[in-house]
Amino acid sequence: MAKRLFDIVVSFFGLLFLSPFLLIFMLLIWLQDYCNPFYIAPRARARGRTFNMVKLRSMVKNADKLGGASTAANDRRITWVGKLIRKTKFDEVPQLWNVLKGEMSLVGPRPQVMKDVALYTEEEYHLFDVRPGITDFASIVFADEGDILRGAENPDLKYNQVIRPWKSRLGLFYGRHHNLVTDVALVVLTVLSAVSRARALAGVQGLLRRLGADEQLIAVAGRSVPLVPFPPPGADAIETRF
């Protein structure tokens, strides 16, 4: 109940405060190609259901038909306005509407497309035990996902081999330890990451340590170890079917 009340209050006032900036970016996006400034697409929920997640459109029209689900920083589908809103994460602001509707939470594992969910292990399906969110541990740790995938011959393959395993572990850890205090801390760290990524990562490490995370997960969360291919939670080996 407290989590839902927190979601409603913060998302309502967040939309109210950010609406002037939202309108400016909507206009800039529309002026590029005179198309809908929003990107609305289905995302997975528990028990095979989906909901329509809304974002500011950061790519060319019909970009999902022109490439894979994973997006490198140098992806040619990203527009000039898109580069700006992706860098600041402002493209996620419209999801506050999804939060108000109860489809998402401020904090929770990021919602995924059905194509990616089809690759989940049985353990990863426990990510649906909580509402998907706008931010979580992984959103801060992998805020530079586009840069990690830059230059990859197959961005989807690299995502599934070096990013997804740790995103899923961080999401599952959140599902086992979430509470209102943790949610507030993650919202604050998300805002801090826009100012100082190093301090935000240190904050994530400290929070994980206080909640009893293992040292390997803490090291990855601080990005102090190289990202190498690793099996996802519940898998015995690195998947090679992508």
Protein backbone atom coordinates (compact mmCIF):
# COMPACT_ATOMS: atom_id res chain seq x y z
CA MET A 1 0.00 0.00 0.00
CA ALA A 2 2.81 2.41 0.93
CA LYS A 3 4.66 1.58 -2.31
CA ARG A 4 1.56 2.27 -4.42
CA LEU A 5 0.90 5.57 -2.62
CA PHE A 6 4.54 6.58 -3.18
CA ASP A 7 4.19 5.73 -6.87
CA ILE A 8 1.01 7.78 -7.29
CA VAL A 9 2.26 10.89 -5.47
CA VAL A 10 5.68 11.02 -7.13
CA SER A 11 4.41 10.23 -10.65
CA PHE A 12 1.58 12.78 -10.42
CA PHE A 13 3.80 15.64 -9.28
CA GLY A 14 6.58 14.47 -11.59
CA LEU A 15 4.32 14.78 -14.63
CA LEU A 16 3.04 18.12 -13.38
CA PHE A 17 6.54 19.56 -12.91
CA LEU A 18 8.03 18.11 -16.09
CA SER A 19 5.08 18.79 -18.41
CA PRO A 20 6.55 22.05 -19.89
CA PHE A 21 9.77 20.23 -20.86
CA LEU A 22 7.73 17.28 -22.10
CA LEU A 23 5.76 19.55 -24.43
CA ILE A 24 8.98 21.10 -25.81
CA PHE A 25 10.48 17.70 -26.64
CA MET A 26 7.18 16.49 -28.10
CA LEU A 27 7.22 19.46 -30.48
CA LEU A 28 10.87 18.91 -31.47
CA ILE A 29 10.24 15.23 -32.18
CA TRP A 30 7.12 15.99 -34.22
CA LEU A 31 8.94 18.63 -36.28
CA GLN A 32 11.51 16.04 -37.40
CA ASP A 33 9.08 13.99 -39.48
CA TYR A 34 5.56 15.15 -38.51
CA CYS A 35 4.85 11.82 -36.86
CA ASN A 36 3.64 10.81 -33.41
CA PRO A 37 6.18 12.02 -30.80
CA PHE A 38 5.36 9.01 -28.63
CA TYR A 39 6.56 5.44 -28.98
CA ILE A 40 3.90 3.07 -27.68
CA ALA A 41 4.67 -0.63 -27.67
CA PRO A 42 3.59 -3.79 -25.83
CA ARG A 43 5.69 -4.97 -22.92
CA ALA A 44 5.44 -8.20 -20.95
CA ARG A 45 3.57 -8.54 -17.68
CA ALA A 46 3.02 -11.56 -15.45
CA ARG A 47 1.17 -14.66 -16.72
CA GLY A 48 1.77 -13.85 -20.38
CA ARG A 49 -0.13 -10.58 -20.35
CA THR A 50 1.10 -7.35 -21.90
CA PHE A 51 0.54 -3.63 -21.45
CA ASN A 52 1.29 -0.65 -23.69
CA MET A 53 4.35 1.19 -22.43
CA VAL A 54 4.76 4.79 -23.58
CA LYS A 55 8.00 6.66 -24.23
CA LEU A 56 9.09 9.72 -26.14
CA ARG A 57 10.11 8.51 -29.59
CA SER A 58 13.89 8.68 -29.89
CA MET A 59 14.22 6.83 -33.20
CA VAL A 60 12.96 7.13 -36.74
CA LYS A 61 9.42 6.02 -37.56
CA ASN A 62 8.99 2.21 -37.63
CA ALA A 63 12.49 1.72 -36.17
CA ASP A 64 11.46 -1.61 -34.65
CA LYS A 65 11.05 -2.95 -38.20
CA LEU A 66 14.50 -1.72 -39.26
CA GLY A 67 16.68 -3.43 -36.67
CA GLY A 68 16.93 -5.50 -33.49
CA ALA A 69 15.53 -4.86 -30.02
CA SER A 70 18.89 -3.86 -28.52
CA THR A 71 20.17 -0.40 -29.41
CA ALA A 72 23.82 0.59 -29.56
CA ALA A 73 24.82 4.22 -28.99
CA ASN A 74 25.83 4.53 -32.65
CA ASP A 75 22.58 3.04 -33.99
CA ARG A 76 21.61 5.00 -37.11
CA ARG A 77 17.93 4.74 -36.21
CA ILE A 78 18.38 7.24 -33.35
CA THR A 79 17.47 10.82 -34.27
CA TRP A 80 19.35 13.92 -33.09
CA VAL A 81 16.60 14.71 -30.57
CA GLY A 82 16.62 11.05 -29.61
CA LYS A 83 20.31 11.19 -28.71
CA LEU A 84 19.59 14.05 -26.31
CA ILE A 85 16.61 12.52 -24.56
CA ARG A 86 18.28 9.11 -24.34
CA LYS A 87 21.37 10.63 -22.74
CA THR A 88 19.27 12.40 -20.11
CA LYS A 89 16.75 9.49 -19.84
CA PHE A 90 13.99 12.01 -20.51
CA ASP A 91 12.45 9.60 -23.03
CA GLU A 92 11.27 7.54 -20.03
CA VAL A 93 9.24 10.40 -18.46
CA PRO A 94 5.92 9.49 -20.15
CA GLN A 95 6.06 6.17 -18.29
CA LEU A 96 4.93 8.11 -15.24
CA TRP A 97 1.52 7.78 -16.89
CA ASN A 98 1.92 3.98 -16.85
CA VAL A 99 2.76 4.27 -13.17
CA LEU A 100 -0.39 6.31 -12.45
CA LYS A 101 -2.45 3.65 -14.24
CA GLY A 102 -0.94 0.92 -12.08
CA GLU A 103 0.75 -0.88 -14.99
CA MET A 104 4.23 0.03 -13.75
CA SER A 105 5.93 1.17 -10.58
CA LEU A 106 8.55 3.86 -10.13
CA VAL A 107 11.00 1.14 -9.10
CA GLY A 108 11.11 -2.39 -10.48
CA PRO A 109 12.75 -4.50 -13.19
CA ARG A 110 12.55 -2.81 -16.59
CA PRO A 111 9.68 -4.13 -18.77
CA GLN A 112 10.80 -6.29 -21.68
CA VAL A 113 9.50 -7.12 -25.15
CA MET A 114 7.95 -10.58 -25.55
CA LYS A 115 10.78 -11.61 -27.86
CA ASP A 116 13.30 -11.17 -25.03
CA VAL A 117 11.03 -12.79 -22.44
CA ALA A 118 10.83 -15.88 -24.65
CA LEU A 119 14.55 -16.40 -23.87
CA TYR A 120 14.07 -16.28 -20.09
CA THR A 121 15.08 -19.17 -17.90
CA GLU A 122 12.58 -20.47 -15.37
CA GLU A 123 14.32 -18.46 -12.66
CA GLU A 124 14.13 -15.24 -14.67
CA TYR A 125 10.33 -15.52 -14.81
CA HIS A 126 10.40 -14.54 -11.12
CA LEU A 127 11.16 -11.02 -12.37
CA PHE A 128 7.38 -10.82 -12.89
CA ASP A 129 6.78 -11.27 -9.16
CA VAL A 130 6.87 -7.46 -8.87
CA ARG A 131 5.54 -4.71 -11.13
CA PRO A 132 7.94 -3.56 -13.87
CA GLY A 133 9.47 -0.17 -13.13
CA ILE A 134 10.98 2.96 -14.62
CA THR A 135 14.20 2.46 -12.71
CA ASP A 136 15.96 -0.13 -10.55
CA PHE A 137 19.49 -1.23 -9.69
CA ALA A 138 20.18 -2.30 -13.28
CA SER A 139 18.88 0.95 -14.78
CA ILE A 140 21.62 2.81 -12.93
CA VAL A 141 24.36 0.22 -13.41
CA PHE A 142 23.69 -0.15 -17.15
CA ALA A 143 22.70 3.42 -17.95
CA ASP A 144 25.50 3.25 -20.54
CA GLU A 145 24.02 0.19 -22.26
CA GLY A 146 24.21 1.88 -25.66
CA ASP A 147 27.94 2.48 -25.22
CA ILE A 148 28.49 -1.14 -24.15
CA LEU A 149 26.80 -2.31 -27.35
CA ARG A 150 28.54 0.26 -29.57
CA GLY A 151 30.24 -1.39 -32.52
CA ALA A 152 28.84 -4.84 -31.79
CA GLU A 153 28.21 -6.88 -34.94
CA ASN A 154 25.15 -8.37 -33.24
CA PRO A 155 23.89 -6.05 -30.44
CA ASP A 156 21.13 -8.49 -29.41
CA LEU A 157 23.66 -11.28 -28.96
CA LYS A 158 26.01 -9.12 -26.91
CA TYR A 159 23.12 -7.83 -24.79
CA ASN A 160 21.97 -11.36 -23.97
CA GLN A 161 25.48 -12.58 -23.20
CA VAL A 162 26.99 -9.75 -21.15
CA ILE A 163 24.17 -7.44 -19.95
CA ARG A 164 21.02 -9.51 -19.50
CA PRO A 165 22.59 -11.99 -17.02
CA TRP A 166 23.42 -9.17 -14.60
CA LYS A 167 20.28 -7.15 -15.24
CA SER A 168 18.26 -10.22 -14.36
CA ARG A 169 20.31 -10.93 -11.22
CA LEU A 170 19.89 -7.34 -10.05
CA GLY A 171 16.17 -7.47 -10.81
CA LEU A 172 15.71 -10.74 -8.93
CA PHE A 173 17.66 -9.35 -5.98
CA TYR A 174 15.38 -6.32 -5.93
CA GLY A 175 12.32 -8.59 -5.98
CA ARG A 176 13.56 -10.40 -2.87
CA HIS A 177 14.51 -7.27 -0.91
CA HIS A 178 12.29 -4.42 -2.07
CA ASN A 179 10.58 -2.08 0.37
CA LEU A 180 9.68 1.60 0.47
CA VAL A 181 13.07 2.65 1.86
CA THR A 182 14.86 0.81 -0.97
CA ASP A 183 12.54 2.39 -3.55
CA VAL A 184 13.19 5.89 -2.25
CA ALA A 185 16.95 5.23 -2.23
CA LEU A 186 16.89 3.99 -5.85
CA VAL A 187 14.87 7.00 -7.03
CA VAL A 188 17.41 9.32 -5.35
CA LEU A 189 20.34 7.39 -6.86
CA THR A 190 18.71 7.56 -10.30
CA VAL A 191 18.52 11.35 -10.05
CA LEU A 192 22.09 11.46 -8.70
CA SER A 193 23.34 9.42 -11.67
CA ALA A 194 22.44 12.32 -13.97
CA VAL A 195 24.91 14.46 -12.01
CA SER A 196 27.61 12.00 -10.97
CA ARG A 197 27.60 8.46 -12.33
CA ALA A 198 30.54 7.46 -10.11
CA ARG A 199 28.74 8.53 -6.93
CA ALA A 200 25.53 6.82 -8.05
CA LEU A 201 27.36 3.54 -8.70
CA ALA A 202 29.03 3.78 -5.31
CA GLY A 203 25.61 4.35 -3.78
CA VAL A 204 24.21 1.28 -5.54
CA GLN A 205 27.10 -0.81 -4.25
CA GLY A 206 26.53 0.45 -0.71
CA LEU A 207 22.82 -0.31 -0.88
CA LEU A 208 23.42 -3.80 -2.27
CA ARG A 209 25.98 -4.49 0.45
CA ARG A 210 23.58 -3.38 3.21
CA LEU A 211 20.92 -5.67 1.77
CA GLY A 212 23.29 -8.65 1.79
CA ALA A 213 24.20 -9.07 -1.90
CA ASP A 214 27.17 -11.27 -2.80
CA GLU A 215 30.48 -9.64 -3.63
CA GLN A 216 30.42 -10.66 -7.29
CA LEU A 217 27.11 -8.85 -7.85
CA ILE A 218 28.39 -5.83 -5.93
CA ALA A 219 31.55 -5.70 -8.07
CA VAL A 220 29.56 -5.82 -11.31
CA ALA A 221 27.18 -3.16 -9.95
CA GLY A 222 30.14 -0.85 -9.43
CA ARG A 223 31.39 -1.67 -12.92
CA SER A 224 34.76 -2.43 -11.40
CA VAL A 225 35.15 -5.74 -13.29
CA PRO A 226 35.05 -6.40 -17.06
CA LEU A 227 31.73 -7.45 -18.57
CA VAL A 228 32.26 -10.84 -20.17
CA PRO A 229 29.81 -13.49 -21.44
CA PHE A 230 28.08 -15.10 -18.47
CA PRO A 231 25.12 -17.48 -18.09
CA PRO A 232 21.78 -15.94 -17.08
CA PRO A 233 20.22 -16.89 -13.71
CA GLY A 234 19.08 -20.50 -13.72
CA ALA A 235 21.24 -21.54 -16.69
CA ASP A 236 24.21 -23.86 -16.41
CA ALA A 237 26.09 -22.42 -19.37
CA ILE A 238 26.23 -19.39 -21.64
CA GLU A 239 23.35 -19.52 -24.10
CA THR A 240 24.41 -19.62 -27.73
CA ARG A 241 21.02 -19.80 -29.52
CA PHE A 242 20.56 -16.08 -30.10
